[in-house]
């Protein structure tokens, strides 16, 4: 990315040398700008945290749904402890 940023080599040449598309390299450069605080946006760390929090939220929602259904299940099976 430094070669492309410095202007020593065109982005297309750097991308070709790396075996990736020019648009891919430009996306990487844009994300690097966000991660370094040079540009507004969601950083890589924030994105990872968001993915993990959404996963955890889905798990918790499933657990809540199970707990909502548990009393009916136990009542139907007549296995509620007395």
PDB file of N, CA and C in Angstrom:
ATOM      1  N   UNK A   1       0.823  -1.189   0.000  1.00  0.00           N
ATOM      2  CA  UNK A   1       0.000   0.000   0.000  1.00  0.00           C
ATOM      3  C   UNK A   1       0.868   1.254   0.000  1.00  0.00           C
ATOM      4  N   UNK A   2       2.008   1.177   0.655  1.00  0.00           N
ATOM      5  CA  UNK A   2       2.878   2.356   0.707  1.00  0.00           C
ATOM      6  C   UNK A   2       3.355   2.759  -0.683  1.00  0.00           C
ATOM      7  N   UNK A   3       3.633   1.753  -1.541  1.00  0.00           N
ATOM      8  CA  UNK A   3       4.059   2.065  -2.908  1.00  0.00           C
ATOM      9  C   UNK A   3       2.970   2.829  -3.647  1.00  0.00           C
ATOM     10  N   UNK A   4       1.742   2.373  -3.510  1.00  0.00           N
ATOM     11  CA  UNK A   4       0.621   3.024  -4.195  1.00  0.00           C
ATOM     12  C   UNK A   4       0.345   4.401  -3.602  1.00  0.00           C
ATOM     13  N   UNK A   5       0.421   4.516  -2.280  1.00  0.00           N
ATOM     14  CA  UNK A   5       0.145   5.800  -1.624  1.00  0.00           C
ATOM     15  C   UNK A   5       1.205   6.852  -1.964  1.00  0.00           C
ATOM     16  N   UNK A   6       2.442   6.412  -2.033  1.00  0.00           N
ATOM     17  CA  UNK A   6       3.531   7.367  -2.264  1.00  0.00           C
ATOM     18  C   UNK A   6       3.563   7.884  -3.695  1.00  0.00           C
ATOM     19  N   UNK A   7       2.888   7.184  -4.583  1.00  0.00           N
ATOM     20  CA  UNK A   7       2.892   7.605  -5.978  1.00  0.00           C
ATOM     21  C   UNK A   7       4.082   7.067  -6.751  1.00  0.00           C
ATOM     22  N   UNK A   8       4.946   6.286  -6.088  1.00  0.00           N
ATOM     23  CA  UNK A   8       6.102   5.716  -6.779  1.00  0.00           C
ATOM     24  C   UNK A   8       5.664   4.720  -7.845  1.00  0.00           C
ATOM     25  N   UNK A   9       4.532   4.055  -7.576  1.00  0.00           N
ATOM     26  CA  UNK A   9       3.969   3.130  -8.557  1.00  0.00           C
ATOM     27  C   UNK A   9       2.463   3.348  -8.597  1.00  0.00           C
ATOM     28  N   UNK A  10       1.876   3.232  -9.772  1.00  0.00           N
ATOM     29  CA  UNK A  10       0.417   3.371  -9.860  1.00  0.00           C
ATOM     30  C   UNK A  10      -0.287   2.238  -9.113  1.00  0.00           C
ATOM     31  N   UNK A  11      -1.481   2.534  -8.613  1.00  0.00           N
ATOM     32  CA  UNK A  11      -2.267   1.540  -7.879  1.00  0.00           C
ATOM     33  C   UNK A  11      -2.472   0.294  -8.736  1.00  0.00           C
ATOM     34  N   UNK A  12      -2.748   0.485 -10.021  1.00  0.00           N
ATOM     35  CA  UNK A  12      -2.980  -0.656 -10.915  1.00  0.00           C
ATOM     36  C   UNK A  12      -1.755  -1.560 -10.984  1.00  0.00           C
ATOM     37  N   UNK A  13      -0.560  -0.987 -11.023  1.00  0.00           N
ATOM     38  CA  UNK A  13       0.685  -1.774 -11.088  1.00  0.00           C
ATOM     39  C   UNK A  13       0.899  -2.537  -9.795  1.00  0.00           C
ATOM     40  N   UNK A  14       0.718  -1.884  -8.664  1.00  0.00           N
ATOM     41  CA  UNK A  14       0.889  -2.548  -7.365  1.00  0.00           C
ATOM     42  C   UNK A  14      -0.106  -3.695  -7.236  1.00  0.00           C
ATOM     43  N   UNK A  15      -1.357  -3.440  -7.612  1.00  0.00           N
ATOM     44  CA  UNK A  15      -2.385  -4.483  -7.539  1.00  0.00           C
ATOM     45  C   UNK A  15      -2.018  -5.654  -8.430  1.00  0.00           C
ATOM     46  N   UNK A  16      -1.564  -5.372  -9.632  1.00  0.00           N
ATOM     47  CA  UNK A  16      -1.166  -6.428 -10.566  1.00  0.00           C
ATOM     48  C   UNK A  16      -0.015  -7.246  -9.993  1.00  0.00           C
ATOM     49  N   UNK A  17       0.971  -6.572  -9.410  1.00  0.00           N
ATOM     50  CA  UNK A  17       2.112  -7.271  -8.802  1.00  0.00           C
ATOM     51  C   UNK A  17       1.674  -8.183  -7.662  1.00  0.00           C
ATOM     52  N   UNK A  18       0.636  -7.760  -6.938  1.00  0.00           N
ATOM     53  CA  UNK A  18       0.127  -8.562  -5.819  1.00  0.00           C
ATOM     54  C   UNK A  18      -0.844  -9.649  -6.277  1.00  0.00           C
ATOM     55  N   UNK A  19      -1.269  -9.576  -7.523  1.00  0.00           N
ATOM     56  CA  UNK A  19      -2.207 -10.566  -8.048  1.00  0.00           C
ATOM     57  C   UNK A  19      -3.634 -10.335  -7.586  1.00  0.00           C
ATOM     58  N   UNK A  20      -3.972  -9.077  -7.318  1.00  0.00           N
ATOM     59  CA  UNK A  20      -5.328  -8.728  -6.887  1.00  0.00           C
ATOM     60  C   UNK A  20      -5.866  -7.640  -7.808  1.00  0.00           C
ATOM     61  N   UNK A  21      -7.161  -7.397  -7.718  1.00  0.00           N
ATOM     62  CA  UNK A  21      -7.747  -6.346  -8.548  1.00  0.00           C
ATOM     63  C   UNK A  21      -7.420  -4.971  -7.965  1.00  0.00           C
ATOM     64  N   UNK A  22      -7.475  -3.988  -8.833  1.00  0.00           N
ATOM     65  CA  UNK A  22      -7.231  -2.614  -8.399  1.00  0.00           C
ATOM     66  C   UNK A  22      -8.273  -2.178  -7.369  1.00  0.00           C
ATOM     67  N   UNK A  23      -9.532  -2.579  -7.585  1.00  0.00           N
ATOM     68  CA  UNK A  23     -10.589  -2.191  -6.642  1.00  0.00           C
ATOM     69  C   UNK A  23     -10.360  -2.826  -5.272  1.00  0.00           C
ATOM     70  N   UNK A  24      -9.829  -4.043  -5.254  1.00  0.00           N
ATOM     71  CA  UNK A  24      -9.530  -4.702  -3.972  1.00  0.00           C
ATOM     72  C   UNK A  24      -8.459  -3.913  -3.218  1.00  0.00           C
ATOM     73  N   UNK A  25      -7.403  -3.537  -3.917  1.00  0.00           N
ATOM     74  CA  UNK A  25      -6.339  -2.761  -3.275  1.00  0.00           C
ATOM     75  C   UNK A  25      -6.870  -1.421  -2.779  1.00  0.00           C
ATOM     76  N   UNK A  26      -7.724  -0.791  -3.568  1.00  0.00           N
ATOM     77  CA  UNK A  26      -8.304   0.492  -3.142  1.00  0.00           C
ATOM     78  C   UNK A  26      -9.171   0.317  -1.887  1.00  0.00           C
ATOM     79  N   UNK A  27      -9.920  -0.791  -1.811  1.00  0.00           N
ATOM     80  CA  UNK A  27     -10.727  -1.065  -0.599  1.00  0.00           C
ATOM     81  C   UNK A  27      -9.813  -1.265   0.608  1.00  0.00           C
ATOM     82  N   UNK A  28      -8.723  -2.005   0.412  1.00  0.00           N
ATOM     83  CA  UNK A  28      -7.771  -2.212   1.503  1.00  0.00           C
ATOM     84  C   UNK A  28      -7.192  -0.878   1.966  1.00  0.00           C
ATOM     85  N   UNK A  29      -6.848  -0.032   1.012  1.00  0.00           N
ATOM     86  CA  UNK A  29      -6.286   1.275   1.357  1.00  0.00           C
ATOM     87  C   UNK A  29      -7.308   2.124   2.111  1.00  0.00           C
ATOM     88  N   UNK A  30      -8.554   2.084   1.667  1.00  0.00           N
ATOM     89  CA  UNK A  30      -9.608   2.855   2.346  1.00  0.00           C
ATOM     90  C   UNK A  30      -9.816   2.333   3.766  1.00  0.00           C
ATOM     91  N   UNK A  31      -9.816   1.002   3.937  1.00  0.00           N
ATOM     92  CA  UNK A  31      -9.994   0.429   5.273  1.00  0.00           C
ATOM     93  C   UNK A  31      -8.805   0.775   6.161  1.00  0.00           C
ATOM     94  N   UNK A  32      -7.612   0.783   5.585  1.00  0.00           N
ATOM     95  CA  UNK A  32      -6.425   1.179   6.344  1.00  0.00           C
ATOM     96  C   UNK A  32      -6.542   2.631   6.802  1.00  0.00           C
ATOM     97  N   UNK A  33      -7.100   3.489   5.957  1.00  0.00           N
ATOM     98  CA  UNK A  33      -7.322   4.888   6.344  1.00  0.00           C
ATOM     99  C   UNK A  33      -8.284   4.977   7.527  1.00  0.00           C
ATOM    100  N   UNK A  34      -9.330   4.168   7.509  1.00  0.00           N
ATOM    101  CA  UNK A  34     -10.297   4.153   8.619  1.00  0.00           C
ATOM    102  C   UNK A  34      -9.609   3.656   9.884  1.00  0.00           C
ATOM    103  N   UNK A  35      -8.878   2.538   9.763  1.00  0.00           N
ATOM    104  CA  UNK A  35      -8.208   1.955  10.932  1.00  0.00           C
ATOM    105  C   UNK A  35      -7.186   2.913  11.541  1.00  0.00           C
ATOM    106  N   UNK A  36      -6.545   3.714  10.693  1.00  0.00           N
ATOM    107  CA  UNK A  36      -5.525   4.653  11.168  1.00  0.00           C
ATOM    108  C   UNK A  36      -6.127   5.978  11.638  1.00  0.00           C
ATOM    109  N   UNK A  37      -7.447   6.132  11.477  1.00  0.00           N
ATOM    110  CA  UNK A  37      -8.101   7.354  11.930  1.00  0.00           C
ATOM    111  C   UNK A  37      -8.018   8.508  10.946  1.00  0.00           C
ATOM    112  N   UNK A  38      -7.580   8.227   9.728  1.00  0.00           N
ATOM    113  CA  UNK A  38      -7.482   9.283   8.716  1.00  0.00           C
ATOM    114  C   UNK A  38      -8.793   9.486   7.972  1.00  0.00           C
ATOM    115  N   UNK A  39      -9.764   8.630   8.244  1.00  0.00           N
ATOM    116  CA  UNK A  39     -11.028   8.664   7.512  1.00  0.00           C
ATOM    117  C   UNK A  39     -12.133   8.160   8.428  1.00  0.00           C
ATOM    118  N   UNK A  40     -13.343   8.689   8.237  1.00  0.00           N
ATOM    119  CA  UNK A  40     -14.506   8.250   9.010  1.00  0.00           C
ATOM    120  C   UNK A  40     -14.921   6.852   8.570  1.00  0.00           C
ATOM    121  N   UNK A  41     -15.458   6.089   9.495  1.00  0.00           N
ATOM    122  CA  UNK A  41     -15.972   4.767   9.152  1.00  0.00           C
ATOM    123  C   UNK A  41     -15.788   3.796  10.297  1.00  0.00           C
ATOM    124  N   UNK A  42     -16.196   2.559  10.052  1.00  0.00           N
ATOM    125  CA  UNK A  42     -16.108   1.497  11.055  1.00  0.00           C
ATOM    126  C   UNK A  42     -14.759   0.807  10.896  1.00  0.00           C
ATOM    127  N   UNK A  43     -13.963   0.818  11.958  1.00  0.00           N
ATOM    128  CA  UNK A  43     -12.642   0.197  11.897  1.00  0.00           C
ATOM    129  C   UNK A  43     -12.773  -1.323  11.889  1.00  0.00           C
ATOM    130  N   UNK A  44     -11.690  -1.984  11.543  1.00  0.00           N
ATOM    131  CA  UNK A  44     -11.678  -3.448  11.508  1.00  0.00           C
ATOM    132  C   UNK A  44     -11.989  -4.024  12.887  1.00  0.00           C
ATOM    133  N   UNK A  45     -11.425  -3.425  13.937  1.00  0.00           N
ATOM    134  CA  UNK A  45     -11.691  -3.899  15.301  1.00  0.00           C
ATOM    135  C   UNK A  45     -13.160  -3.721  15.661  1.00  0.00           C
ATOM    136  N   UNK A  46     -13.721  -2.576  15.298  1.00  0.00           N
ATOM    137  CA  UNK A  46     -15.143  -2.329  15.586  1.00  0.00           C
ATOM    138  C   UNK A  46     -16.028  -3.299  14.812  1.00  0.00           C
ATOM    139  N   UNK A  47     -15.644  -3.589  13.577  1.00  0.00           N
ATOM    140  CA  UNK A  47     -16.425  -4.520  12.754  1.00  0.00           C
ATOM    141  C   UNK A  47     -16.410  -5.920  13.377  1.00  0.00           C
ATOM    142  N   UNK A  48     -15.227  -6.369  13.830  1.00  0.00           N
ATOM    143  CA  UNK A  48     -15.131  -7.682  14.492  1.00  0.00           C
ATOM    144  C   UNK A  48     -15.988  -7.711  15.758  1.00  0.00           C
ATOM    145  N   UNK A  49     -15.921  -6.633  16.542  1.00  0.00           N
ATOM    146  CA  UNK A  49     -16.713  -6.556  17.764  1.00  0.00           C
ATOM    147  C   UNK A  49     -18.205  -6.577  17.446  1.00  0.00           C
ATOM    148  N   UNK A  50     -18.607  -5.862  16.420  1.00  0.00           N
ATOM    149  CA  UNK A  50     -20.010  -5.823  16.018  1.00  0.00           C
ATOM    150  C   UNK A  50     -20.501  -7.206  15.595  1.00  0.00           C
ATOM    151  N   UNK A  51     -19.696  -7.921  14.833  1.00  0.00           N
ATOM    152  CA  UNK A  51     -20.060  -9.284  14.414  1.00  0.00           C
ATOM    153  C   UNK A  51     -20.225 -10.178  15.639  1.00  0.00           C
ATOM    154  N   UNK A  52     -19.290 -10.094  16.580  1.00  0.00           N
ATOM    155  CA  UNK A  52     -19.361 -10.916  17.790  1.00  0.00           C
ATOM    156  C   UNK A  52     -20.577 -10.547  18.633  1.00  0.00           C
ATOM    157  N   UNK A  53     -20.860  -9.264  18.770  1.00  0.00           N
ATOM    158  CA  UNK A  53     -22.018  -8.839  19.561  1.00  0.00           C
ATOM    159  C   UNK A  53     -23.331  -9.279  18.915  1.00  0.00           C
ATOM    160  N   UNK A  54     -23.397  -9.226  17.599  1.00  0.00           N
ATOM    161  CA  UNK A  54     -24.610  -9.696  16.910  1.00  0.00           C
ATOM    162  C   UNK A  54     -24.785 -11.195  17.090  1.00  0.00           C
ATOM    163  N   UNK A  55     -23.684 -11.946  17.029  1.00  0.00           N
ATOM    164  CA  UNK A  55     -23.754 -13.393  17.256  1.00  0.00           C
ATOM    165  C   UNK A  55     -24.230 -13.678  18.676  1.00  0.00           C
ATOM    166  N   UNK A  56     -23.657 -12.983  19.631  1.00  0.00           N
ATOM    167  CA  UNK A  56     -24.031 -13.170  21.040  1.00  0.00           C
ATOM    168  C   UNK A  56     -25.500 -12.799  21.255  1.00  0.00           C
ATOM    169  N   UNK A  57     -25.964 -11.758  20.597  1.00  0.00           N
ATOM    170  CA  UNK A  57     -27.357 -11.341  20.710  1.00  0.00           C
ATOM    171  C   UNK A  57     -28.290 -12.433  20.192  1.00  0.00           C
ATOM    172  N   UNK A  58     -27.936 -13.061  19.057  1.00  0.00           N
ATOM    173  CA  UNK A  58     -28.763 -14.155  18.521  1.00  0.00           C
ATOM    174  C   UNK A  58     -28.840 -15.312  19.510  1.00  0.00           C
ATOM    175  N   UNK A  59     -27.707 -15.656  20.122  1.00  0.00           N
ATOM    176  CA  UNK A  59     -27.684 -16.743  21.105  1.00  0.00           C
ATOM    177  C   UNK A  59     -28.579 -16.396  22.288  1.00  0.00           C
ATOM    178  N   UNK A  60     -28.470 -15.180  22.787  1.00  0.00           N
ATOM    179  CA  UNK A  60     -29.285 -14.770  23.931  1.00  0.00           C
ATOM    180  C   UNK A  60     -30.770 -14.750  23.583  1.00  0.00           C
ATOM    181  N   UNK A  61     -31.102 -14.316  22.361  1.00  0.00           N
ATOM    182  CA  UNK A  61     -32.507 -14.329  21.944  1.00  0.00           C
ATOM    183  C   UNK A  61     -33.046 -15.753  21.897  1.00  0.00           C
ATOM    184  N   UNK A  62     -32.231 -16.705  21.440  1.00  0.00           N
ATOM    185  CA  UNK A  62     -32.666 -18.109  21.422  1.00  0.00           C
ATOM    186  C   UNK A  62     -32.857 -18.627  22.843  1.00  0.00           C
ATOM    187  N   UNK A  63     -31.941 -18.261  23.744  1.00  0.00           N
ATOM    188  CA  UNK A  63     -32.062 -18.700  25.133  1.00  0.00           C
ATOM    189  C   UNK A  63     -33.330 -18.144  25.772  1.00  0.00           C
ATOM    190  N   UNK A  64     -33.641 -16.885  25.504  1.00  0.00           N
ATOM    191  CA  UNK A  64     -34.865 -16.278  26.040  1.00  0.00           C
ATOM    192  C   UNK A  64     -36.084 -17.020  25.515  1.00  0.00           C
ATOM    193  N   UNK A  65     -36.090 -17.337  24.225  1.00  0.00           N
ATOM    194  CA  UNK A  65     -37.220 -18.055  23.630  1.00  0.00           C
ATOM    195  C   UNK A  65     -37.393 -19.434  24.274  1.00  0.00           C
ATOM    196  N   UNK A  66     -36.301 -20.111  24.518  1.00  0.00           N
ATOM    197  CA  UNK A  66     -36.363 -21.425  25.180  1.00  0.00           C
ATOM    198  C   UNK A  66     -36.930 -21.275  26.584  1.00  0.00           C
ATOM    199  N   UNK A  67     -36.460 -20.271  27.309  1.00  0.00           N
ATOM    200  CA  UNK A  67     -36.941 -20.066  28.677  1.00  0.00           C
ATOM    201  C   UNK A  67     -38.413 -19.675  28.708  1.00  0.00           C
ATOM    202  N   UNK A  68     -38.889 -18.973  27.689  1.00  0.00           N
ATOM    203  CA  UNK A  68     -40.314 -18.633  27.617  1.00  0.00           C
ATOM    204  C   UNK A  68     -41.162 -19.885  27.430  1.00  0.00           C
ATOM    205  N   UNK A  69     -40.647 -20.837  26.675  1.00  0.00           N
ATOM    206  CA  UNK A  69     -41.410 -22.050  26.369  1.00  0.00           C
ATOM    207  C   UNK A  69     -41.285 -23.123  27.453  1.00  0.00           C
ATOM    208  N   UNK A  70     -40.302 -23.028  28.302  1.00  0.00           N
ATOM    209  CA  UNK A  70     -40.048 -24.066  29.303  1.00  0.00           C
ATOM    210  C   UNK A  70     -41.229 -24.313  30.238  1.00  0.00           C
ATOM    211  N   UNK A  71     -41.877 -23.294  30.802  1.00  0.00           N
ATOM    212  CA  UNK A  71     -42.992 -23.570  31.719  1.00  0.00           C
ATOM    213  C   UNK A  71     -44.114 -24.370  31.051  1.00  0.00           C
ATOM    214  N   UNK A  72     -44.445 -24.050  29.822  1.00  0.00           N
ATOM    215  CA  UNK A  72     -45.501 -24.784  29.122  1.00  0.00           C
ATOM    216  C   UNK A  72     -45.085 -26.232  28.900  1.00  0.00           C
ATOM    217  N   UNK A  73     -43.827 -26.442  28.552  1.00  0.00           N
ATOM    218  CA  UNK A  73     -43.337 -27.805  28.333  1.00  0.00           C
ATOM    219  C   UNK A  73     -43.435 -28.618  29.620  1.00  0.00           C
ATOM    220  N   UNK A  74     -42.942 -28.065  30.704  1.00  0.00           N
ATOM    221  CA  UNK A  74     -42.961 -28.810  31.962  1.00  0.00           C
ATOM    222  C   UNK A  74     -44.384 -29.029  32.459  1.00  0.00           C
ATOM    223  N   UNK A  75     -45.271 -28.073  32.263  1.00  0.00           N
ATOM    224  CA  UNK A  75     -46.667 -28.238  32.678  1.00  0.00           C
ATOM    225  C   UNK A  75     -47.326 -29.345  31.864  1.00  0.00           C
ATOM    226  N   UNK A  76     -47.048 -29.380  30.573  1.00  0.00           N
ATOM    227  CA  UNK A  76     -47.637 -30.393  29.701  1.00  0.00           C
ATOM    228  C   UNK A  76     -47.114 -31.783  30.055  1.00  0.00           C
ATOM    229  N   UNK A  77     -45.874 -31.885  30.382  1.00  0.00           N
ATOM    230  CA  UNK A  77     -45.270 -33.169  30.715  1.00  0.00           C
ATOM    231  C   UNK A  77     -45.520 -33.549  32.173  1.00  0.00           C
ATOM    232  N   UNK A  78     -46.125 -32.633  32.901  1.00  0.00           N
ATOM    233  CA  UNK A  78     -46.434 -32.869  34.303  1.00  0.00           C
ATOM    234  C   UNK A  78     -45.186 -33.269  35.092  1.00  0.00           C
ATOM    235  N   UNK A  79     -44.118 -32.563  34.861  1.00  0.00           N
ATOM    236  CA  UNK A  79     -42.870 -32.863  35.552  1.00  0.00           C
ATOM    237  C   UNK A  79     -42.358 -31.676  36.362  1.00  0.00           C
ATOM    238  N   UNK A  80     -43.229 -30.712  36.601  1.00  0.00           N
ATOM    239  CA  UNK A  80     -42.809 -29.578  37.408  1.00  0.00           C
ATOM    240  C   UNK A  80     -42.498 -30.043  38.821  1.00  0.00           C
ATOM    241  N   UNK A  81     -41.370 -29.635  39.358  1.00  0.00           N
ATOM    242  CA  UNK A  81     -41.063 -29.983  40.747  1.00  0.00           C
ATOM    243  C   UNK A  81     -42.045 -29.298  41.686  1.00  0.00           C
ATOM    244  N   UNK A  82     -42.371 -29.979  42.765  1.00  0.00           N
ATOM    245  CA  UNK A  82     -43.337 -29.421  43.721  1.00  0.00           C
ATOM    246  C   UNK A  82     -42.663 -28.987  44.986  1.00  0.00           C
TER     247      UNK A  82
END
